[in-house]
């Protein structure tokens, strides 16, 4: 089978689970199969938000981030369930174990997708045979459908896996790019969001072909270094390796400060927490992650140190939210003695493009004002892949000291042990 593989290039697969949360629930309860199913937060509230839905539901126009009331209006027979993340995590782990049967070069991207470099996996058959085998094993063992893209690099593999859903296998070669990709609008390209497409249109770039042949200076002026990167992608160029170690990038993001003197004034300590929250917020946004658990560190003047943490209902990255929860934890934990050091740490990190937010009745109006975020998540989940539209906070810099950020895996689905300091509330 070695002759079926390139002599110099690579063979990359992108494996993407189809409607993952809904598919897991259908596998768990076969009675749900064939029914329009949606996974949503706050299913009791009409303002809950759709996290994902089955293809049967999509036929009625139901889609990710749609308010529950609107989804039910489109599909009165819609079956709505709360997410069961422990169940999804277990299936995800099993799925990645299947992928590692074919190669050690497996890079998880999120709970439901990953890349494989099968360049040296010819003992298992041709690339298409390996893809068919993976798809069959995942379906037979886990009862979950998936789509697979086969290509010489990660960008093209990701693009290919989006072309046939559900249960599709697509080969995309560089020589196919002018015919297959270039006629498409830029907003159909993985990595291009709505706002970026609008910017490109402002300089006469409407199709991926236009982008592939765009003026580099003009693109760099418009989009910075990302403009050059997008042009390379449009021409099928992507030199990123499949990196299994990328999952070890970071576990937590935090910041602490040693105070110039022992402080027992609550207002002063709150100001310190606000400053720490701002720094942690910048770092979270820069890494494009949100914290599902927030922890604080308190060191008293006698050097006694305590840490406390609390699992959050919704993942957060805004400084106001970080500050608010940190203050609540602080007030529950502080004994009133003078303090020498304070720290805030966000853990159980989740990618911002896969973050799940359960909107309740009281936060809905506030979050509705942030609809661009929901639209971005929808675009990422359903169409575009990783977003290049970033919060300005992601580019801020800070010079403060980082503590306890022995940073590792930002995908929370591989976390199997609870936080020892987790608040029982």
Protein backbone atom coordinates (compact mmCIF):
# COMPACT_ATOMS: atom_id res chain seq x y z
CA UNK A 1 0.00 0.00 0.00
CA UNK A 2 2.99 2.30 0.29
CA UNK A 3 2.62 3.27 -3.36
CA UNK A 4 -0.76 4.81 -2.46
CA UNK A 5 1.05 7.43 -0.35
CA UNK A 6 3.05 10.47 -1.54
CA UNK A 7 6.83 10.17 -1.62
CA UNK A 8 7.42 13.61 -0.15
CA UNK A 9 4.14 15.03 1.11
CA UNK A 10 1.82 14.03 3.94
CA UNK A 11 -1.60 12.47 4.25
CA UNK A 12 -3.77 14.18 6.84
CA UNK A 13 -7.23 13.19 7.99
CA UNK A 14 -9.72 15.43 9.73
CA UNK A 15 -12.35 13.43 11.61
CA UNK A 16 -15.45 15.40 12.61
CA UNK A 17 -18.34 13.92 14.57
CA UNK A 18 -21.73 14.81 13.07
CA UNK A 19 -24.12 16.68 15.38
CA UNK A 20 -22.11 15.20 18.23
CA UNK A 21 -24.15 15.91 21.37
CA UNK A 22 -27.41 14.93 19.69
CA UNK A 23 -25.81 11.82 18.17
CA UNK A 24 -24.52 10.71 21.57
CA UNK A 25 -28.00 11.06 23.07
CA UNK A 26 -29.46 9.02 20.21
CA UNK A 27 -26.86 6.33 20.73
CA UNK A 28 -27.68 6.28 24.44
CA UNK A 29 -31.44 6.14 23.78
CA UNK A 30 -32.23 4.64 20.34
CA UNK A 31 -35.86 5.78 20.71
CA UNK A 32 -34.62 9.27 19.87
CA UNK A 33 -33.29 8.23 16.47
CA UNK A 34 -35.07 9.80 13.55
CA UNK A 35 -36.65 12.46 15.75
CA UNK A 36 -35.91 16.19 15.68
CA UNK A 37 -33.68 16.53 18.75
CA UNK A 38 -32.06 19.61 20.24
CA UNK A 39 -29.63 19.96 23.12
CA UNK A 40 -30.28 23.21 24.93
CA UNK A 41 -29.56 25.07 28.13
CA UNK A 42 -32.39 25.94 30.50
CA UNK A 43 -34.90 23.70 28.77
CA UNK A 44 -37.60 24.91 31.17
CA UNK A 45 -37.19 28.49 30.00
CA UNK A 46 -38.43 29.63 26.61
CA UNK A 47 -35.31 31.74 26.33
CA UNK A 48 -32.91 28.83 26.55
CA UNK A 49 -30.36 28.57 23.74
CA UNK A 50 -29.88 25.65 21.33
CA UNK A 51 -26.40 24.17 21.78
CA UNK A 52 -26.69 21.70 18.90
CA UNK A 53 -29.40 19.75 17.12
CA UNK A 54 -29.94 16.67 15.00
CA UNK A 55 -30.13 16.76 11.23
CA UNK A 56 -33.84 15.96 11.51
CA UNK A 57 -34.28 19.19 13.47
CA UNK A 58 -32.18 21.16 11.01
CA UNK A 59 -34.62 20.29 8.25
CA UNK A 60 -37.13 22.51 10.05
CA UNK A 61 -34.66 25.40 10.23
CA UNK A 62 -33.53 24.78 13.80
CA UNK A 63 -29.88 25.72 14.31
CA UNK A 64 -27.20 26.32 16.91
CA UNK A 65 -27.58 29.43 19.17
CA UNK A 66 -31.23 29.82 18.20
CA UNK A 67 -33.50 30.71 21.15
CA UNK A 68 -35.53 27.72 22.28
CA UNK A 69 -38.85 29.48 21.77
CA UNK A 70 -37.99 30.14 18.13
CA UNK A 71 -36.87 26.55 17.58
CA UNK A 72 -40.12 25.21 19.01
CA UNK A 73 -42.08 27.57 16.82
CA UNK A 74 -40.33 26.17 13.74
CA UNK A 75 -40.60 22.58 14.98
CA UNK A 76 -43.42 22.01 17.52
CA UNK A 77 -42.48 18.33 17.86
CA UNK A 78 -38.89 19.18 18.79
CA UNK A 79 -37.44 16.97 21.53
CA UNK A 80 -35.30 19.11 23.85
CA UNK A 81 -32.73 17.74 26.30
CA UNK A 82 -30.22 19.23 28.69
CA UNK A 83 -26.56 18.55 27.85
CA UNK A 84 -24.83 15.67 29.62
CA UNK A 85 -21.16 16.60 29.40
CA UNK A 86 -19.89 13.57 31.30
CA UNK A 87 -21.57 11.36 28.73
CA UNK A 88 -20.11 13.37 25.84
CA UNK A 89 -16.65 13.34 27.40
CA UNK A 90 -16.74 9.55 27.76
CA UNK A 91 -17.69 9.06 24.11
CA UNK A 92 -15.04 11.56 23.03
CA UNK A 93 -12.33 9.68 24.88
CA UNK A 94 -13.46 6.43 23.27
CA UNK A 95 -13.46 8.07 19.85
CA UNK A 96 -9.88 9.29 20.21
CA UNK A 97 -8.78 5.84 21.36
CA UNK A 98 -10.09 4.48 18.07
CA UNK A 99 -8.14 7.11 16.13
CA UNK A 100 -4.92 6.26 17.96
CA UNK A 101 -5.19 2.68 16.72
CA UNK A 102 -4.03 3.95 13.32
CA UNK A 103 -1.30 6.40 14.36
CA UNK A 104 0.21 8.11 17.38
CA UNK A 105 0.00 11.40 15.51
CA UNK A 106 -3.48 12.36 16.64
CA UNK A 107 -4.26 15.99 17.51
CA UNK A 108 -7.57 16.62 19.30
CA UNK A 109 -9.04 19.94 18.26
CA UNK A 110 -12.15 19.81 20.41
CA UNK A 111 -14.43 17.31 22.05
CA UNK A 112 -15.76 16.11 18.69
CA UNK A 113 -12.98 16.55 16.11
CA UNK A 114 -9.33 15.84 15.54
CA UNK A 115 -6.53 15.51 12.99
CA UNK A 116 -4.50 12.40 12.15
CA UNK A 117 -1.23 12.22 10.24
CA UNK A 118 -1.40 8.79 8.54
CA UNK A 119 1.60 9.30 6.25
CA UNK A 120 3.35 6.29 7.77
CA UNK A 121 0.20 4.24 8.39
CA UNK A 122 0.19 2.38 5.07
CA UNK A 123 0.15 -0.98 6.86
CA UNK A 124 -3.55 -0.30 7.55
CA UNK A 125 -4.34 0.21 3.88
CA UNK A 126 -4.79 3.13 1.52
CA UNK A 127 -5.88 6.53 2.91
CA UNK A 128 -9.45 5.95 1.77
CA UNK A 129 -9.48 2.46 3.30
CA UNK A 130 -8.23 3.88 6.61
CA UNK A 131 -10.93 6.58 6.54
CA UNK A 132 -13.60 3.98 5.79
CA UNK A 133 -12.29 1.78 8.60
CA UNK A 134 -12.33 4.68 11.10
CA UNK A 135 -15.82 5.72 10.10
CA UNK A 136 -17.09 2.14 10.33
CA UNK A 137 -15.49 1.46 13.74
CA UNK A 138 -16.79 4.69 15.28
CA UNK A 139 -20.26 3.95 13.96
CA UNK A 140 -20.28 0.29 15.02
CA UNK A 141 -18.64 0.73 18.41
CA UNK A 142 -20.07 4.09 19.47
CA UNK A 143 -23.10 4.40 17.17
CA UNK A 144 -21.94 7.90 16.21
CA UNK A 145 -21.73 9.20 12.61
CA UNK A 146 -18.69 11.15 11.45
CA UNK A 147 -17.36 12.85 8.35
CA UNK A 148 -13.72 12.57 7.29
CA UNK A 149 -11.58 14.77 5.07
CA UNK A 150 -8.43 13.42 3.40
CA UNK A 151 -5.85 15.93 2.18
CA UNK A 152 -2.14 16.84 2.16
CA UNK A 153 -2.52 19.35 5.00
CA UNK A 154 -4.75 20.34 7.91
CA UNK A 155 -6.56 23.20 6.21
CA UNK A 156 -7.61 21.13 3.22
CA UNK A 157 -8.50 18.14 5.41
CA UNK A 158 -10.77 20.32 7.55
CA UNK A 159 -12.32 21.84 4.44
CA UNK A 160 -12.90 18.38 2.95
CA UNK A 161 -14.60 16.99 6.07
CA UNK A 162 -17.18 19.80 5.86
CA UNK A 163 -18.15 18.93 2.30
CA UNK A 164 -20.19 15.80 2.95
CA UNK A 165 -22.25 15.53 6.13
CA UNK A 166 -23.30 13.28 7.68
CA UNK A 167 -21.15 10.17 7.15
CA UNK A 168 -19.12 11.56 4.26
CA UNK A 169 -15.56 10.87 3.16
CA UNK A 170 -13.99 13.48 0.89
CA UNK A 171 -10.56 13.63 -0.75
CA UNK A 172 -9.27 17.14 -1.50
CA UNK A 173 -5.98 17.50 -3.36
CA UNK A 174 -4.12 20.71 -4.17
CA UNK A 175 -4.87 20.24 -7.84
CA UNK A 176 -8.60 20.29 -6.99
CA UNK A 177 -8.44 23.76 -5.42
CA UNK A 178 -9.09 25.93 -8.53
CA UNK A 179 -12.13 23.90 -9.47
CA UNK A 180 -13.54 23.04 -6.05
CA UNK A 181 -12.65 25.96 -3.77
CA UNK A 182 -11.96 29.03 -5.81
CA UNK A 183 -15.55 29.50 -7.10
CA UNK A 184 -16.90 29.60 -3.51
CA UNK A 185 -17.59 32.80 -1.61
CA UNK A 186 -14.97 33.75 0.97
CA UNK A 187 -17.42 33.24 3.85
CA UNK A 188 -17.52 29.54 2.96
CA UNK A 189 -13.79 29.22 3.65
CA UNK A 190 -12.65 27.68 6.92
CA UNK A 191 -11.15 30.51 8.98
CA UNK A 192 -13.14 33.36 7.41
CA UNK A 193 -16.00 34.77 9.45
CA UNK A 194 -18.75 37.15 8.45
CA UNK A 195 -16.92 40.34 9.37
CA UNK A 196 -13.71 39.26 7.66
CA UNK A 197 -15.68 38.39 4.53
CA UNK A 198 -17.21 41.88 4.62
CA UNK A 199 -13.74 43.44 4.90
CA UNK A 200 -12.49 41.38 1.98
CA UNK A 201 -15.51 42.40 -0.08
CA UNK A 202 -14.64 46.05 0.57
CA UNK A 203 -11.49 45.58 -1.53
CA UNK A 204 -13.19 43.55 -4.25
CA UNK A 205 -12.43 40.07 -2.92
CA UNK A 206 -15.62 38.03 -3.03
CA UNK A 207 -14.53 34.48 -3.81
CA UNK A 208 -11.80 32.21 -2.51
CA UNK A 209 -10.24 32.51 -5.95
CA UNK A 210 -10.12 36.29 -5.57
CA UNK A 211 -8.39 35.80 -2.22
CA UNK A 212 -5.91 33.31 -3.68
CA UNK A 213 -4.87 35.90 -6.24
CA UNK A 214 -5.16 38.93 -3.96
CA UNK A 215 -2.51 41.58 -3.50
CA UNK A 216 -0.41 40.66 -0.44
CA UNK A 217 0.30 44.25 0.58
CA UNK A 218 -3.38 45.12 0.36
CA UNK A 219 -4.36 42.04 2.37
CA UNK A 220 -1.76 42.74 5.05
CA UNK A 221 -2.92 46.33 5.35
CA UNK A 222 -6.50 45.17 5.72
CA UNK A 223 -6.09 42.13 7.99
CA UNK A 224 -2.51 42.19 9.23
CA UNK A 225 -0.45 39.01 9.10
CA UNK A 226 -3.67 37.03 8.97
CA UNK A 227 -4.34 38.43 5.50
CA UNK A 228 -1.19 36.72 4.23
CA UNK A 229 -2.11 33.52 6.03
CA UNK A 230 -5.57 33.48 4.48
CA UNK A 231 -4.12 33.94 1.02
CA UNK A 232 -1.82 30.97 1.63
CA UNK A 233 -4.79 28.87 2.77
CA UNK A 234 -6.77 29.89 -0.32
CA UNK A 235 -3.88 28.52 -2.37
CA UNK A 236 -3.91 25.28 -0.38
CA UNK A 237 -0.77 26.05 1.64
CA UNK A 238 -0.67 25.00 5.29
CA UNK A 239 2.56 23.85 6.92
CA UNK A 240 1.19 23.20 10.41
CA UNK A 241 2.09 19.71 11.63
CA UNK A 242 -0.34 17.39 13.38
CA UNK A 243 0.84 17.90 16.94
CA UNK A 244 -0.33 15.46 19.64
CA UNK A 245 1.40 17.62 22.24
CA UNK A 246 -0.81 20.60 21.49
CA UNK A 247 -3.33 19.16 23.94
CA UNK A 248 -0.78 19.80 26.67
CA UNK A 249 -0.70 23.50 25.97
CA UNK A 250 -2.32 24.73 29.15
CA UNK A 251 -4.55 23.64 32.04
CA UNK A 252 -5.01 26.87 33.90
CA UNK A 253 -4.45 30.57 33.58
CA UNK A 254 -3.93 32.72 36.62
CA UNK A 255 -2.16 35.64 38.21
CA UNK A 256 -1.13 36.59 41.72
CA UNK A 257 0.57 39.46 43.45
CA UNK A 258 2.49 39.87 46.67
CA UNK A 259 1.27 43.01 48.38
CA UNK A 260 3.82 45.66 49.43
CA UNK A 261 2.46 45.43 52.98
CA UNK A 262 0.03 43.30 54.95
CA UNK A 263 -3.48 44.48 54.09
CA UNK A 264 -6.72 43.91 55.99
CA UNK A 265 -8.84 46.65 54.41
CA UNK A 266 -11.56 44.95 52.38
CA UNK A 267 -11.86 47.78 49.85
CA UNK A 268 -8.12 47.68 49.14
CA UNK A 269 -8.20 43.91 48.75
CA UNK A 270 -11.14 44.20 46.36
CA UNK A 271 -9.12 46.61 44.23
CA UNK A 272 -6.32 44.01 44.08
CA UNK A 273 -8.79 41.32 43.01
CA UNK A 274 -10.15 43.60 40.29
CA UNK A 275 -6.63 44.17 38.95
CA UNK A 276 -5.87 40.44 39.00
CA UNK A 277 -9.17 39.68 37.24
CA UNK A 278 -8.29 42.09 34.45
CA UNK A 279 -4.93 40.39 33.88
CA UNK A 280 -6.45 36.91 33.89
CA UNK A 281 -9.15 38.08 31.48
CA UNK A 282 -6.51 39.32 29.04
CA UNK A 283 -4.69 35.99 29.17
CA UNK A 284 -7.84 33.94 28.72
CA UNK A 285 -8.87 35.96 25.68
CA UNK A 286 -5.39 35.78 24.21
CA UNK A 287 -5.52 31.99 24.46
CA UNK A 288 -9.14 31.97 23.20
CA UNK A 289 -10.40 30.01 26.19
CA UNK A 290 -12.89 30.47 29.00
CA UNK A 291 -12.67 29.29 32.60
CA UNK A 292 -15.26 26.83 33.88
CA UNK A 293 -13.83 26.87 37.41
CA UNK A 294 -12.47 29.88 39.28
CA UNK A 295 -10.00 29.63 42.14
CA UNK A 296 -8.46 32.12 44.54
CA UNK A 297 -5.30 31.97 46.60
CA UNK A 298 -4.95 33.80 49.94
CA UNK A 299 -1.66 33.97 51.84
CA UNK A 300 -1.78 35.54 55.27
CA UNK A 301 1.00 37.46 57.01
CA UNK A 302 2.00 34.30 58.91
CA UNK A 303 2.58 32.58 55.49
CA UNK A 304 -0.43 30.32 55.89
CA UNK A 305 -1.85 29.82 52.41
CA UNK A 306 -5.31 28.63 51.41
CA UNK A 307 -6.86 27.98 48.00
CA UNK A 308 -10.55 27.76 47.24
CA UNK A 309 -12.35 27.14 43.97
CA UNK A 310 -15.86 26.96 42.61
CA UNK A 311 -17.32 25.31 39.52
CA UNK A 312 -19.17 27.92 37.49
CA UNK A 313 -22.52 27.48 35.79
CA UNK A 314 -21.22 29.28 32.69
CA UNK A 315 -17.62 29.49 31.40
CA UNK A 316 -16.32 33.06 31.71
CA UNK A 317 -13.50 35.29 30.48
CA UNK A 318 -14.74 38.85 31.13
CA UNK A 319 -12.93 40.74 33.87
CA UNK A 320 -16.21 41.82 35.47
CA UNK A 321 -17.36 38.21 35.84
CA UNK A 322 -13.95 37.05 37.06
CA UNK A 323 -13.82 39.87 39.58
CA UNK A 324 -17.36 39.24 40.83
CA UNK A 325 -16.89 35.51 41.41
CA UNK A 326 -13.44 36.06 42.92
CA UNK A 327 -14.88 38.53 45.43
CA UNK A 328 -17.67 36.11 46.35
CA UNK A 329 -15.13 33.34 46.95
CA UNK A 330 -12.89 35.70 48.85
CA UNK A 331 -15.64 36.80 51.25
CA UNK A 332 -16.56 33.17 51.95
CA UNK A 333 -12.92 32.23 52.58
CA UNK A 334 -11.25 35.20 54.27
CA UNK A 335 -10.95 35.04 58.07
CA UNK A 336 -10.33 38.76 58.41
CA UNK A 337 -6.58 38.54 59.13
CA UNK A 338 -4.06 40.71 57.23
CA UNK A 339 -3.17 39.36 53.81
CA UNK A 340 0.24 39.31 52.12
CA UNK A 341 -0.64 37.66 48.74
CA UNK A 342 -3.73 37.29 46.57
CA UNK A 343 -4.21 35.23 43.40
CA UNK A 344 -6.92 34.33 40.90
CA UNK A 345 -6.76 31.26 38.66
CA UNK A 346 -9.14 30.03 35.96
CA UNK A 347 -9.18 26.25 35.42
CA UNK A 348 -11.22 23.66 33.51
CA UNK A 349 -10.55 25.75 30.42
CA UNK A 350 -12.71 25.36 27.34
CA UNK A 351 -12.11 26.71 23.84
CA UNK A 352 -14.14 29.85 23.23
CA UNK A 353 -15.43 28.38 19.96
CA UNK A 354 -16.80 25.35 21.78
CA UNK A 355 -17.83 27.02 25.01
CA UNK A 356 -21.33 26.22 26.15
CA UNK A 357 -23.30 28.90 27.91
CA UNK A 358 -26.52 28.23 29.77
CA UNK A 359 -28.52 31.42 29.59
CA UNK A 360 -31.02 31.93 32.37
CA UNK A 361 -34.02 34.22 32.48
CA UNK A 362 -32.11 37.01 34.19
CA UNK A 363 -28.96 36.98 32.04
CA UNK A 364 -30.69 36.60 28.71
CA UNK A 365 -31.27 40.29 27.98
CA UNK A 366 -27.65 41.08 28.84
CA UNK A 367 -26.38 38.27 26.65
CA UNK A 368 -28.73 39.13 23.82
CA UNK A 369 -26.77 42.35 23.47
CA UNK A 370 -23.74 40.18 22.80
CA UNK A 371 -25.41 38.46 19.86
CA UNK A 372 -22.28 38.79 17.68
CA UNK A 373 -20.59 36.34 20.06
CA UNK A 374 -23.40 33.84 19.63
CA UNK A 375 -23.31 34.32 15.87
CA UNK A 376 -19.58 33.73 15.88
CA UNK A 377 -19.99 30.53 17.88
CA UNK A 378 -22.70 29.44 15.47
CA UNK A 379 -20.48 30.14 12.50
CA UNK A 380 -17.59 28.27 14.05
CA UNK A 381 -19.65 25.27 15.05
CA UNK A 382 -21.65 24.98 11.89
CA UNK A 383 -19.57 26.33 9.08
CA UNK A 384 -16.32 28.18 9.36
CA UNK A 385 -14.09 26.44 11.88
CA UNK A 386 -11.71 28.50 14.01
CA UNK A 387 -12.59 32.18 14.10
CA UNK A 388 -10.16 34.88 13.12
CA UNK A 389 -12.42 37.53 14.62
CA UNK A 390 -10.97 38.09 18.03
CA UNK A 391 -11.85 40.19 21.01
CA UNK A 392 -9.47 43.11 21.35
CA UNK A 393 -8.59 41.79 24.79
CA UNK A 394 -6.88 38.87 23.13
CA UNK A 395 -4.18 41.24 21.90
CA UNK A 396 -3.58 43.17 25.10
CA UNK A 397 -0.32 42.75 26.88
CA UNK A 398 0.48 42.69 30.54
CA UNK A 399 3.66 42.68 32.48
CA UNK A 400 2.43 41.11 35.67
CA UNK A 401 3.70 37.93 37.21
CA UNK A 402 1.99 34.66 36.33
CA UNK A 403 1.55 32.12 39.09
CA UNK A 404 0.46 28.55 39.12
CA UNK A 405 -0.26 28.47 35.43
CA UNK A 406 1.46 25.17 34.86
CA UNK A 407 -0.54 25.35 31.77
CA UNK A 408 -1.78 22.24 30.06
CA UNK A 409 -4.70 20.93 28.03
CA UNK A 410 -7.31 23.54 27.21
CA UNK A 411 -9.86 20.97 26.07
CA UNK A 412 -11.83 20.10 29.19
CA UNK A 413 -13.13 16.85 27.79
CA UNK A 414 -9.96 14.99 28.79
CA UNK A 415 -10.24 16.13 32.37
CA UNK A 416 -11.29 13.09 34.40
CA UNK A 417 -10.63 14.11 38.00
CA UNK A 418 -12.54 16.76 39.96
CA UNK A 419 -10.81 19.77 41.43
CA UNK A 420 -9.74 18.81 44.96
CA UNK A 421 -10.52 22.32 46.17
CA UNK A 422 -13.89 22.52 44.47
CA UNK A 423 -16.51 24.28 46.53
CA UNK A 424 -19.29 21.76 47.33
CA UNK A 425 -21.85 24.44 46.58
